[in-house]
Amino acid sequence: MKKVGIIRCQQTEDICPGTADFKAALKGRFAFEKTGPVEIVGFVSCGGCPGKRAVPRAQMMIGRGAEIIVLASCLARGNPIDYPCPHFQKIREAIRKNISPEIEIIEYTH
């Protein structure tokens, strides 16, 4: 079973407990259809706009065994507030630039 670390939008923390993310990961659905069910080793926020803590948090989860970093749907698609993160591309690029190329990045959860 692959291990993943999920990074979410800090602004959605008080309205979304991540239930859909956990269900999708556990059942191997949506973004996890290719990997099958996964083990979540971390579920953290980006650190607030403009994603100022996303890179060190991705690195921390990799240090704890994550083989895949997942950027939650609240960042990529705006779920549940219907407002995608305007910094999404920069966050993704910064993480990619600062982690091993062997670590996969998935750009949504559900």
PDB file of N, CA and C in Angstrom:
ATOM      1  N   MET A   1       0.853  -1.182   0.000  1.00  0.00           N
ATOM      2  CA  MET A   1       0.000   0.000   0.000  1.00  0.00           C
ATOM      3  C   MET A   1       0.892   1.235   0.000  1.00  0.00           C
ATOM      4  N   LYS A   2       0.640   2.118  -0.936  1.00  0.00           N
ATOM      5  CA  LYS A   2       1.399   3.368  -1.018  1.00  0.00           C
ATOM      6  C   LYS A   2       1.053   4.280   0.155  1.00  0.00           C
ATOM      7  N   LYS A   3       2.017   5.141   0.509  1.00  0.00           N
ATOM      8  CA  LYS A   3       1.808   6.112   1.584  1.00  0.00           C
ATOM      9  C   LYS A   3       1.750   7.506   0.982  1.00  0.00           C
ATOM     10  N   VAL A   4       0.768   8.286   1.428  1.00  0.00           N
ATOM     11  CA  VAL A   4       0.576   9.622   0.882  1.00  0.00           C
ATOM     12  C   VAL A   4       0.536  10.671   1.989  1.00  0.00           C
ATOM     13  N   GLY A   5       0.934  11.867   1.618  1.00  0.00           N
ATOM     14  CA  GLY A   5       0.763  13.038   2.456  1.00  0.00           C
ATOM     15  C   GLY A   5      -0.134  14.000   1.708  1.00  0.00           C
ATOM     16  N   ILE A   6      -1.154  14.498   2.380  1.00  0.00           N
ATOM     17  CA  ILE A   6      -2.121  15.394   1.735  1.00  0.00           C
ATOM     18  C   ILE A   6      -1.944  16.807   2.269  1.00  0.00           C
ATOM     19  N   ILE A   7      -1.863  17.758   1.344  1.00  0.00           N
ATOM     20  CA  ILE A   7      -1.788  19.179   1.689  1.00  0.00           C
ATOM     21  C   ILE A   7      -3.103  19.821   1.278  1.00  0.00           C
ATOM     22  N   ARG A   8      -3.711  20.525   2.210  1.00  0.00           N
ATOM     23  CA  ARG A   8      -5.006  21.161   1.978  1.00  0.00           C
ATOM     24  C   ARG A   8      -4.903  22.671   2.121  1.00  0.00           C
ATOM     25  N   CYS A   9      -5.954  23.372   1.757  1.00  0.00           N
ATOM     26  CA  CYS A   9      -6.046  24.819   1.904  1.00  0.00           C
ATOM     27  C   CYS A   9      -6.329  25.164   3.364  1.00  0.00           C
ATOM     28  N   GLN A  10      -5.536  26.038   3.923  1.00  0.00           N
ATOM     29  CA  GLN A  10      -5.749  26.438   5.314  1.00  0.00           C
ATOM     30  C   GLN A  10      -7.091  27.128   5.504  1.00  0.00           C
ATOM     31  N   GLN A  11      -7.558  27.833   4.485  1.00  0.00           N
ATOM     32  CA  GLN A  11      -8.803  28.588   4.631  1.00  0.00           C
ATOM     33  C   GLN A  11     -10.040  27.701   4.688  1.00  0.00           C
ATOM     34  N   THR A  12      -9.909  26.427   4.326  1.00  0.00           N
ATOM     35  CA  THR A  12     -11.071  25.538   4.389  1.00  0.00           C
ATOM     36  C   THR A  12     -11.089  24.676   5.652  1.00  0.00           C
ATOM     37  N   GLU A  13     -10.074  24.793   6.486  1.00  0.00           N
ATOM     38  CA  GLU A  13      -9.986  23.935   7.673  1.00  0.00           C
ATOM     39  C   GLU A  13     -11.201  24.020   8.587  1.00  0.00           C
ATOM     40  N   ASP A  14     -11.758  25.186   8.739  1.00  0.00           N
ATOM     41  CA  ASP A  14     -12.875  25.329   9.672  1.00  0.00           C
ATOM     42  C   ASP A  14     -14.231  24.917   9.090  1.00  0.00           C
ATOM     43  N   ILE A  15     -14.282  24.609   7.783  1.00  0.00           N
ATOM     44  CA  ILE A  15     -15.557  24.189   7.191  1.00  0.00           C
ATOM     45  C   ILE A  15     -15.491  22.798   6.566  1.00  0.00           C
ATOM     46  N   CYS A  16     -14.307  22.193   6.526  1.00  0.00           N
ATOM     47  CA  CYS A  16     -14.163  20.875   5.902  1.00  0.00           C
ATOM     48  C   CYS A  16     -13.201  20.022   6.726  1.00  0.00           C
ATOM     49  N   PRO A  17     -13.701  18.929   7.293  1.00  0.00           N
ATOM     50  CA  PRO A  17     -12.828  18.062   8.080  1.00  0.00           C
ATOM     51  C   PRO A  17     -12.007  17.087   7.243  1.00  0.00           C
ATOM     52  N   GLY A  18     -12.162  17.112   5.929  1.00  0.00           N
ATOM     53  CA  GLY A  18     -11.393  16.221   5.059  1.00  0.00           C
ATOM     54  C   GLY A  18     -12.021  14.845   4.879  1.00  0.00           C
ATOM     55  N   THR A  19     -13.262  14.685   5.267  1.00  0.00           N
ATOM     56  CA  THR A  19     -13.927  13.388   5.204  1.00  0.00           C
ATOM     57  C   THR A  19     -13.874  12.774   3.808  1.00  0.00           C
ATOM     58  N   ALA A  20     -14.187  13.551   2.782  1.00  0.00           N
ATOM     59  CA  ALA A  20     -14.177  13.024   1.412  1.00  0.00           C
ATOM     60  C   ALA A  20     -12.770  12.625   0.984  1.00  0.00           C
ATOM     61  N   ASP A  21     -11.766  13.363   1.430  1.00  0.00           N
ATOM     62  CA  ASP A  21     -10.372  13.018   1.114  1.00  0.00           C
ATOM     63  C   ASP A  21     -10.016  11.659   1.709  1.00  0.00           C
ATOM     64  N   PHE A  22     -10.361  11.470   2.981  1.00  0.00           N
ATOM     65  CA  PHE A  22     -10.057  10.216   3.665  1.00  0.00           C
ATOM     66  C   PHE A  22     -10.804   9.038   3.039  1.00  0.00           C
ATOM     67  N   LYS A  23     -12.067   9.240   2.690  1.00  0.00           N
ATOM     68  CA  LYS A  23     -12.851   8.167   2.073  1.00  0.00           C
ATOM     69  C   LYS A  23     -12.275   7.788   0.715  1.00  0.00           C
ATOM     70  N   ALA A  24     -11.938   8.784  -0.097  1.00  0.00           N
ATOM     71  CA  ALA A  24     -11.371   8.499  -1.416  1.00  0.00           C
ATOM     72  C   ALA A  24     -10.054   7.735  -1.282  1.00  0.00           C
ATOM     73  N   ALA A  25      -9.219   8.127  -0.336  1.00  0.00           N
ATOM     74  CA  ALA A  25      -7.937   7.459  -0.121  1.00  0.00           C
ATOM     75  C   ALA A  25      -8.137   6.017   0.354  1.00  0.00           C
ATOM     76  N   LEU A  26      -9.023   5.828   1.307  1.00  0.00           N
ATOM     77  CA  LEU A  26      -9.277   4.512   1.876  1.00  0.00           C
ATOM     78  C   LEU A  26      -9.850   3.537   0.855  1.00  0.00           C
ATOM     79  N   LYS A  27     -10.729   4.054  -0.018  1.00  0.00           N
ATOM     80  CA  LYS A  27     -11.394   3.192  -0.991  1.00  0.00           C
ATOM     81  C   LYS A  27     -10.672   3.128  -2.338  1.00  0.00           C
ATOM     82  N   GLY A  28      -9.608   3.935  -2.506  1.00  0.00           N
ATOM     83  CA  GLY A  28      -8.901   3.944  -3.784  1.00  0.00           C
ATOM     84  C   GLY A  28      -9.739   4.507  -4.911  1.00  0.00           C
ATOM     85  N   ARG A  29     -10.478   5.552  -4.615  1.00  0.00           N
ATOM     86  CA  ARG A  29     -11.369   6.153  -5.606  1.00  0.00           C
ATOM     87  C   ARG A  29     -10.865   7.517  -6.045  1.00  0.00           C
ATOM     88  N   PHE A  30     -11.478   8.046  -7.109  1.00  0.00           N
ATOM     89  CA  PHE A  30     -11.172   9.376  -7.651  1.00  0.00           C
ATOM     90  C   PHE A  30      -9.678   9.490  -7.962  1.00  0.00           C
ATOM     91  N   ALA A  31      -8.951  10.373  -7.307  1.00  0.00           N
ATOM     92  CA  ALA A  31      -7.529  10.556  -7.608  1.00  0.00           C
ATOM     93  C   ALA A  31      -6.696   9.326  -7.286  1.00  0.00           C
ATOM     94  N   PHE A  32      -7.245   8.428  -6.473  1.00  0.00           N
ATOM     95  CA  PHE A  32      -6.498   7.259  -6.028  1.00  0.00           C
ATOM     96  C   PHE A  32      -6.854   5.998  -6.808  1.00  0.00           C
ATOM     97  N   GLU A  33      -7.541   6.140  -7.932  1.00  0.00           N
ATOM     98  CA  GLU A  33      -7.908   4.973  -8.730  1.00  0.00           C
ATOM     99  C   GLU A  33      -6.689   4.252  -9.285  1.00  0.00           C
ATOM    100  N   LYS A  34      -5.639   4.987  -9.642  1.00  0.00           N
ATOM    101  CA  LYS A  34      -4.428   4.358 -10.185  1.00  0.00           C
ATOM    102  C   LYS A  34      -3.593   3.688  -9.093  1.00  0.00           C
ATOM    103  N   THR A  35      -3.609   4.247  -7.908  1.00  0.00           N
ATOM    104  CA  THR A  35      -2.783   3.707  -6.824  1.00  0.00           C
ATOM    105  C   THR A  35      -3.497   2.639  -6.019  1.00  0.00           C
ATOM    106  N   GLY A  36      -4.827   2.650  -6.045  1.00  0.00           N
ATOM    107  CA  GLY A  36      -5.603   1.802  -5.146  1.00  0.00           C
ATOM    108  C   GLY A  36      -5.634   2.452  -3.774  1.00  0.00           C
ATOM    109  N   PRO A  37      -6.189   1.765  -2.787  1.00  0.00           N
ATOM    110  CA  PRO A  37      -6.229   2.335  -1.440  1.00  0.00           C
ATOM    111  C   PRO A  37      -4.825   2.722  -0.969  1.00  0.00           C
ATOM    112  N   VAL A  38      -4.753   3.822  -0.246  1.00  0.00           N
ATOM    113  CA  VAL A  38      -3.471   4.323   0.247  1.00  0.00           C
ATOM    114  C   VAL A  38      -3.542   4.576   1.748  1.00  0.00           C
ATOM    115  N   GLU A  39      -2.367   4.628   2.346  1.00  0.00           N
ATOM    116  CA  GLU A  39      -2.263   4.993   3.756  1.00  0.00           C
ATOM    117  C   GLU A  39      -1.893   6.469   3.840  1.00  0.00           C
ATOM    118  N   ILE A  40      -2.636   7.237   4.612  1.00  0.00           N
ATOM    119  CA  ILE A  40      -2.340   8.657   4.790  1.00  0.00           C
ATOM    120  C   ILE A  40      -1.373   8.799   5.962  1.00  0.00           C
ATOM    121  N   VAL A  41      -0.193   9.372   5.683  1.00  0.00           N
ATOM    122  CA  VAL A  41       0.800   9.572   6.742  1.00  0.00           C
ATOM    123  C   VAL A  41       0.783  10.994   7.287  1.00  0.00           C
ATOM    124  N   GLY A  42       0.059  11.880   6.600  1.00  0.00           N
ATOM    125  CA  GLY A  42      -0.061  13.254   7.065  1.00  0.00           C
ATOM    126  C   GLY A  42      -1.163  13.973   6.316  1.00  0.00           C
ATOM    127  N   PHE A  43      -1.841  14.871   7.024  1.00  0.00           N
ATOM    128  CA  PHE A  43      -2.921  15.673   6.448  1.00  0.00           C
ATOM    129  C   PHE A  43      -2.752  17.063   7.030  1.00  0.00           C
ATOM    130  N   VAL A  44      -2.127  17.960   6.264  1.00  0.00           N
ATOM    131  CA  VAL A  44      -1.726  19.267   6.774  1.00  0.00           C
ATOM    132  C   VAL A  44      -2.231  20.375   5.860  1.00  0.00           C
ATOM    133  N   SER A  45      -2.208  21.592   6.361  1.00  0.00           N
ATOM    134  CA  SER A  45      -2.575  22.733   5.523  1.00  0.00           C
ATOM    135  C   SER A  45      -1.331  23.252   4.802  1.00  0.00           C
ATOM    136  N   CYS A  46      -1.585  24.129   3.853  1.00  0.00           N
ATOM    137  CA  CYS A  46      -0.510  24.758   3.088  1.00  0.00           C
ATOM    138  C   CYS A  46       0.264  25.782   3.914  1.00  0.00           C
ATOM    139  N   GLY A  47      -0.312  26.147   5.063  1.00  0.00           N
ATOM    140  CA  GLY A  47       0.323  27.152   5.915  1.00  0.00           C
ATOM    141  C   GLY A  47      -0.239  28.542   5.715  1.00  0.00           C
ATOM    142  N   GLY A  48      -1.227  28.658   4.864  1.00  0.00           N
ATOM    143  CA  GLY A  48      -1.825  29.969   4.596  1.00  0.00           C
ATOM    144  C   GLY A  48      -1.263  30.590   3.341  1.00  0.00           C
ATOM    145  N   CYS A  49      -2.026  31.499   2.786  1.00  0.00           N
ATOM    146  CA  CYS A  49      -1.650  32.152   1.523  1.00  0.00           C
ATOM    147  C   CYS A  49      -0.310  32.863   1.667  1.00  0.00           C
ATOM    148  N   PRO A  50       0.500  32.724   0.646  1.00  0.00           N
ATOM    149  CA  PRO A  50       0.338  32.033  -0.630  1.00  0.00           C
ATOM    150  C   PRO A  50       0.922  30.620  -0.638  1.00  0.00           C
ATOM    151  N   GLY A  51       0.592  29.806   0.331  1.00  0.00           N
ATOM    152  CA  GLY A  51       1.135  28.445   0.412  1.00  0.00           C
ATOM    153  C   GLY A  51       2.519  28.432   1.022  1.00  0.00           C
ATOM    154  N   LYS A  52       2.766  29.349   1.929  1.00  0.00           N
ATOM    155  CA  LYS A  52       4.113  29.596   2.453  1.00  0.00           C
ATOM    156  C   LYS A  52       4.755  28.438   3.199  1.00  0.00           C
ATOM    157  N   ARG A  53       3.981  27.449   3.624  1.00  0.00           N
ATOM    158  CA  ARG A  53       4.556  26.308   4.351  1.00  0.00           C
ATOM    159  C   ARG A  53       4.396  25.006   3.580  1.00  0.00           C
ATOM    160  N   ALA A  54       3.902  25.058   2.354  1.00  0.00           N
ATOM    161  CA  ALA A  54       3.633  23.838   1.594  1.00  0.00           C
ATOM    162  C   ALA A  54       4.893  23.016   1.347  1.00  0.00           C
ATOM    163  N   VAL A  55       5.984  23.641   0.975  1.00  0.00           N
ATOM    164  CA  VAL A  55       7.208  22.895   0.674  1.00  0.00           C
ATOM    165  C   VAL A  55       7.757  22.200   1.918  1.00  0.00           C
ATOM    166  N   PRO A  56       7.993  22.910   3.038  1.00  0.00           N
ATOM    167  CA  PRO A  56       8.517  22.186   4.198  1.00  0.00           C
ATOM    168  C   PRO A  56       7.552  21.136   4.737  1.00  0.00           C
ATOM    169  N   ARG A  57       6.268  21.347   4.571  1.00  0.00           N
ATOM    170  CA  ARG A  57       5.309  20.342   5.033  1.00  0.00           C
ATOM    171  C   ARG A  57       5.327  19.120   4.128  1.00  0.00           C
ATOM    172  N   ALA A  58       5.495  19.313   2.824  1.00  0.00           N
ATOM    173  CA  ALA A  58       5.649  18.173   1.916  1.00  0.00           C
ATOM    174  C   ALA A  58       6.920  17.403   2.278  1.00  0.00           C
ATOM    175  N   GLN A  59       8.002  18.122   2.511  1.00  0.00           N
ATOM    176  CA  GLN A  59       9.259  17.473   2.879  1.00  0.00           C
ATOM    177  C   GLN A  59       9.128  16.704   4.194  1.00  0.00           C
ATOM    178  N   MET A  60       8.415  17.267   5.161  1.00  0.00           N
ATOM    179  CA  MET A  60       8.203  16.611   6.441  1.00  0.00           C
ATOM    180  C   MET A  60       7.454  15.292   6.245  1.00  0.00           C
ATOM    181  N   MET A  61       6.409  15.306   5.422  1.00  0.00           N
ATOM    182  CA  MET A  61       5.638  14.084   5.213  1.00  0.00           C
ATOM    183  C   MET A  61       6.444  13.036   4.453  1.00  0.00           C
ATOM    184  N   ILE A  62       7.286  13.475   3.524  1.00  0.00           N
ATOM    185  CA  ILE A  62       8.179  12.550   2.832  1.00  0.00           C
ATOM    186  C   ILE A  62       9.133  11.918   3.844  1.00  0.00           C
ATOM    187  N   GLY A  63       9.631  12.718   4.765  1.00  0.00           N
ATOM    188  CA  GLY A  63      10.493  12.205   5.824  1.00  0.00           C
ATOM    189  C   GLY A  63       9.798  11.183   6.706  1.00  0.00           C
ATOM    190  N   ARG A  64       8.485  11.225   6.720  1.00  0.00           N
ATOM    191  CA  ARG A  64       7.691  10.273   7.514  1.00  0.00           C
ATOM    192  C   ARG A  64       7.124   9.150   6.661  1.00  0.00           C
ATOM    193  N   GLY A  65       7.641   9.014   5.453  1.00  0.00           N
ATOM    194  CA  GLY A  65       7.291   7.862   4.632  1.00  0.00           C
ATOM    195  C   GLY A  65       6.413   8.107   3.429  1.00  0.00           C
ATOM    196  N   ALA A  66       5.938   9.331   3.204  1.00  0.00           N
ATOM    197  CA  ALA A  66       5.067   9.579   2.050  1.00  0.00           C
ATOM    198  C   ALA A  66       5.819   9.329   0.750  1.00  0.00           C
ATOM    199  N   GLU A  67       5.184   8.565  -0.117  1.00  0.00           N
ATOM    200  CA  GLU A  67       5.723   8.295  -1.448  1.00  0.00           C
ATOM    201  C   GLU A  67       5.033   9.159  -2.498  1.00  0.00           C
ATOM    202  N   ILE A  68       3.914   9.734  -2.107  1.00  0.00           N
ATOM    203  CA  ILE A  68       3.106  10.581  -2.984  1.00  0.00           C
ATOM    204  C   ILE A  68       2.659  11.793  -2.174  1.00  0.00           C
ATOM    205  N   ILE A  69       2.767  12.975  -2.764  1.00  0.00           N
ATOM    206  CA  ILE A  69       2.209  14.179  -2.162  1.00  0.00           C
ATOM    207  C   ILE A  69       0.948  14.521  -2.955  1.00  0.00           C
ATOM    208  N   VAL A  70      -0.137  14.706  -2.224  1.00  0.00           N
ATOM    209  CA  VAL A  70      -1.425  14.986  -2.848  1.00  0.00           C
ATOM    210  C   VAL A  70      -1.860  16.391  -2.471  1.00  0.00           C
ATOM    211  N   LEU A  71      -2.202  17.177  -3.466  1.00  0.00           N
ATOM    212  CA  LEU A  71      -2.740  18.513  -3.237  1.00  0.00           C
ATOM    213  C   LEU A  71      -4.258  18.376  -3.269  1.00  0.00           C
ATOM    214  N   ALA A  72      -4.877  18.594  -2.138  1.00  0.00           N
ATOM    215  CA  ALA A  72      -6.309  18.328  -1.979  1.00  0.00           C
ATOM    216  C   ALA A  72      -7.166  19.138  -2.951  1.00  0.00           C
ATOM    217  N   SER A  73      -8.367  18.656  -3.147  1.00  0.00           N
ATOM    218  CA  SER A  73      -9.289  19.295  -4.085  1.00  0.00           C
ATOM    219  C   SER A  73      -9.653  20.718  -3.703  1.00  0.00           C
ATOM    220  N   CYS A  74      -9.539  21.059  -2.426  1.00  0.00           N
ATOM    221  CA  CYS A  74      -9.825  22.445  -2.038  1.00  0.00           C
ATOM    222  C   CYS A  74      -8.816  23.397  -2.679  1.00  0.00           C
ATOM    223  N   LEU A  75      -7.585  22.952  -2.857  1.00  0.00           N
ATOM    224  CA  LEU A  75      -6.587  23.782  -3.535  1.00  0.00           C
ATOM    225  C   LEU A  75      -6.820  23.803  -5.042  1.00  0.00           C
ATOM    226  N   ALA A  76      -6.939  22.629  -5.624  1.00  0.00           N
ATOM    227  CA  ALA A  76      -6.993  22.515  -7.078  1.00  0.00           C
ATOM    228  C   ALA A  76      -8.343  22.887  -7.683  1.00  0.00           C
ATOM    229  N   ARG A  77      -9.417  22.519  -6.982  1.00  0.00           N
ATOM    230  CA  ARG A  77     -10.750  22.664  -7.566  1.00  0.00           C
ATOM    231  C   ARG A  77     -11.667  23.604  -6.791  1.00  0.00           C
ATOM    232  N   GLY A  78     -11.234  24.025  -5.624  1.00  0.00           N
ATOM    233  CA  GLY A  78     -12.042  24.953  -4.847  1.00  0.00           C
ATOM    234  C   GLY A  78     -13.124  24.319  -4.000  1.00  0.00           C
ATOM    235  N   ASN A  79     -13.114  22.986  -3.886  1.00  0.00           N
ATOM    236  CA  ASN A  79     -14.112  22.320  -3.029  1.00  0.00           C
ATOM    237  C   ASN A  79     -13.808  22.619  -1.563  1.00  0.00           C
ATOM    238  N   PRO A  80     -14.697  22.922  -0.703  1.00  0.00           N
ATOM    239  CA  PRO A  80     -16.129  23.090  -0.889  1.00  0.00           C
ATOM    240  C   PRO A  80     -16.546  24.554  -1.051  1.00  0.00           C
ATOM    241  N   ILE A  81     -15.605  25.478  -1.133  1.00  0.00           N
ATOM    242  CA  ILE A  81     -15.976  26.895  -1.153  1.00  0.00           C
ATOM    243  C   ILE A  81     -16.112  27.462  -2.567  1.00  0.00           C
ATOM    244  N   ASP A  82     -15.910  26.603  -3.571  1.00  0.00           N
ATOM    245  CA  ASP A  82     -16.047  26.997  -4.963  1.00  0.00           C
ATOM    246  C   ASP A  82     -15.078  28.115  -5.349  1.00  0.00           C
ATOM    247  N   TYR A  83     -13.868  28.057  -4.769  1.00  0.00           N
ATOM    248  CA  TYR A  83     -12.844  29.047  -5.076  1.00  0.00           C
ATOM    249  C   TYR A  83     -11.483  28.356  -5.068  1.00  0.00           C
ATOM    250  N   PRO A  84     -11.005  27.929  -6.246  1.00  0.00           N
ATOM    251  CA  PRO A  84      -9.691  27.286  -6.304  1.00  0.00           C
ATOM    252  C   PRO A  84      -8.592  28.228  -5.820  1.00  0.00           C
ATOM    253  N   CYS A  85      -7.556  27.663  -5.292  1.00  0.00           N
ATOM    254  CA  CYS A  85      -6.431  28.455  -4.797  1.00  0.00           C
ATOM    255  C   CYS A  85      -5.770  29.207  -5.952  1.00  0.00           C
ATOM    256  N   PRO A  86      -5.659  30.530  -5.851  1.00  0.00           N
ATOM    257  CA  PRO A  86      -5.000  31.287  -6.920  1.00  0.00           C
ATOM    258  C   PRO A  86      -3.494  31.051  -6.969  1.00  0.00           C
ATOM    259  N   HIS A  87      -2.960  30.396  -5.941  1.00  0.00           N
ATOM    260  CA  HIS A  87      -1.525  30.114  -5.870  1.00  0.00           C
ATOM    261  C   HIS A  87      -1.214  28.652  -6.187  1.00  0.00           C
ATOM    262  N   PHE A  88      -2.209  27.903  -6.626  1.00  0.00           N
ATOM    263  CA  PHE A  88      -2.056  26.465  -6.826  1.00  0.00           C
ATOM    264  C   PHE A  88      -0.854  26.100  -7.698  1.00  0.00           C
ATOM    265  N   GLN A  89      -0.743  26.699  -8.861  1.00  0.00           N
ATOM    266  CA  GLN A  89       0.355  26.352  -9.780  1.00  0.00           C
ATOM    267  C   GLN A  89       1.721  26.628  -9.157  1.00  0.00           C
ATOM    268  N   LYS A  90       1.853  27.752  -8.466  1.00  0.00           N
ATOM    269  CA  LYS A  90       3.134  28.085  -7.828  1.00  0.00           C
ATOM    270  C   LYS A  90       3.444  27.117  -6.690  1.00  0.00           C
ATOM    271  N   ILE A  91       2.421  26.739  -5.930  1.00  0.00           N
ATOM    272  CA  ILE A  91       2.622  25.772  -4.853  1.00  0.00           C
ATOM    273  C   ILE A  91       3.098  24.443  -5.431  1.00  0.00           C
ATOM    274  N   ARG A  92       2.402  23.963  -6.454  1.00  0.00           N
ATOM    275  CA  ARG A  92       2.770  22.697  -7.095  1.00  0.00           C
ATOM    276  C   ARG A  92       4.188  22.745  -7.643  1.00  0.00           C
ATOM    277  N   GLU A  93       4.515  23.817  -8.336  1.00  0.00           N
ATOM    278  CA  GLU A  93       5.855  23.955  -8.908  1.00  0.00           C
ATOM    279  C   GLU A  93       6.928  24.032  -7.825  1.00  0.00           C
ATOM    280  N   ALA A  94       6.653  24.747  -6.744  1.00  0.00           N
ATOM    281  CA  ALA A  94       7.631  24.868  -5.661  1.00  0.00           C
ATOM    282  C   ALA A  94       7.863  23.517  -4.986  1.00  0.00           C
ATOM    283  N   ILE A  95       6.802  22.768  -4.775  1.00  0.00           N
ATOM    284  CA  ILE A  95       6.963  21.433  -4.176  1.00  0.00           C
ATOM    285  C   ILE A  95       7.773  20.552  -5.120  1.00  0.00           C
ATOM    286  N   ARG A  96       7.392  20.521  -6.394  1.00  0.00           N
ATOM    287  CA  ARG A  96       8.106  19.687  -7.372  1.00  0.00           C
ATOM    288  C   ARG A  96       9.600  20.023  -7.400  1.00  0.00           C
ATOM    289  N   LYS A  97       9.917  21.297  -7.361  1.00  0.00           N
ATOM    290  CA  LYS A  97      11.301  21.760  -7.436  1.00  0.00           C
ATOM    291  C   LYS A  97      12.112  21.339  -6.208  1.00  0.00           C
ATOM    292  N   ASN A  98      11.448  21.147  -5.081  1.00  0.00           N
ATOM    293  CA  ASN A  98      12.154  20.931  -3.824  1.00  0.00           C
ATOM    294  C   ASN A  98      12.019  19.533  -3.232  1.00  0.00           C
ATOM    295  N   ILE A  99      11.481  18.590  -4.019  1.00  0.00           N
ATOM    296  CA  ILE A  99      11.420  17.208  -3.554  1.00  0.00           C
ATOM    297  C   ILE A  99      12.038  16.302  -4.606  1.00  0.00           C
ATOM    298  N   SER A 100      12.300  15.087  -4.224  1.00  0.00           N
ATOM    299  CA  SER A 100      12.883  14.112  -5.132  1.00  0.00           C
ATOM    300  C   SER A 100      11.966  13.862  -6.328  1.00  0.00           C
ATOM    301  N   PRO A 101      12.545  13.684  -7.515  1.00  0.00           N
ATOM    302  CA  PRO A 101      11.717  13.400  -8.697  1.00  0.00           C
ATOM    303  C   PRO A 101      10.988  12.059  -8.602  1.00  0.00           C
ATOM    304  N   GLU A 102      11.407  11.181  -7.693  1.00  0.00           N
ATOM    305  CA  GLU A 102      10.734   9.900  -7.516  1.00  0.00           C
ATOM    306  C   GLU A 102       9.392  10.042  -6.797  1.00  0.00           C
ATOM    307  N   ILE A 103       9.199  11.158  -6.116  1.00  0.00           N
ATOM    308  CA  ILE A 103       7.952  11.386  -5.388  1.00  0.00           C
ATOM    309  C   ILE A 103       6.905  11.895  -6.369  1.00  0.00           C
ATOM    310  N   GLU A 104       5.803  11.181  -6.436  1.00  0.00           N
ATOM    311  CA  GLU A 104       4.708  11.571  -7.315  1.00  0.00           C
ATOM    312  C   GLU A 104       3.891  12.692  -6.670  1.00  0.00           C
ATOM    313  N   ILE A 105       3.339  13.555  -7.486  1.00  0.00           N
ATOM    314  CA  ILE A 105       2.409  14.584  -7.019  1.00  0.00           C
ATOM    315  C   ILE A 105       1.068  14.330  -7.701  1.00  0.00           C
ATOM    316  N   ILE A 106       0.029  14.241  -6.882  1.00  0.00           N
ATOM    317  CA  ILE A 106      -1.337  14.129  -7.407  1.00  0.00           C
ATOM    318  C   ILE A 106      -2.015  15.460  -7.136  1.00  0.00           C
ATOM    319  N   GLU A 107      -2.738  15.981  -8.115  1.00  0.00           N
ATOM    320  CA  GLU A 107      -3.233  17.354  -8.058  1.00  0.00           C
ATOM    321  C   GLU A 107      -4.679  17.524  -7.588  1.00  0.00           C
ATOM    322  N   TYR A 108      -5.281  16.502  -7.053  1.00  0.00           N
ATOM    323  CA  TYR A 108      -6.628  16.620  -6.475  1.00  0.00           C
ATOM    324  C   TYR A 108      -6.875  15.365  -5.635  1.00  0.00           C
ATOM    325  N   THR A 109      -7.961  15.344  -4.903  1.00  0.00           N
ATOM    326  CA  THR A 109      -8.292  14.146  -4.131  1.00  0.00           C
ATOM    327  C   THR A 109      -9.616  13.527  -4.597  1.00  0.00           C
ATOM    328  N   HIS A 110     -10.643  14.339  -4.726  1.00  0.00           N
ATOM    329  CA  HIS A 110     -11.964  13.824  -5.093  1.00  0.00           C
ATOM    330  C   HIS A 110     -12.689  14.782  -6.017  1.00  0.00           C
TER     331      HIS A 110
END
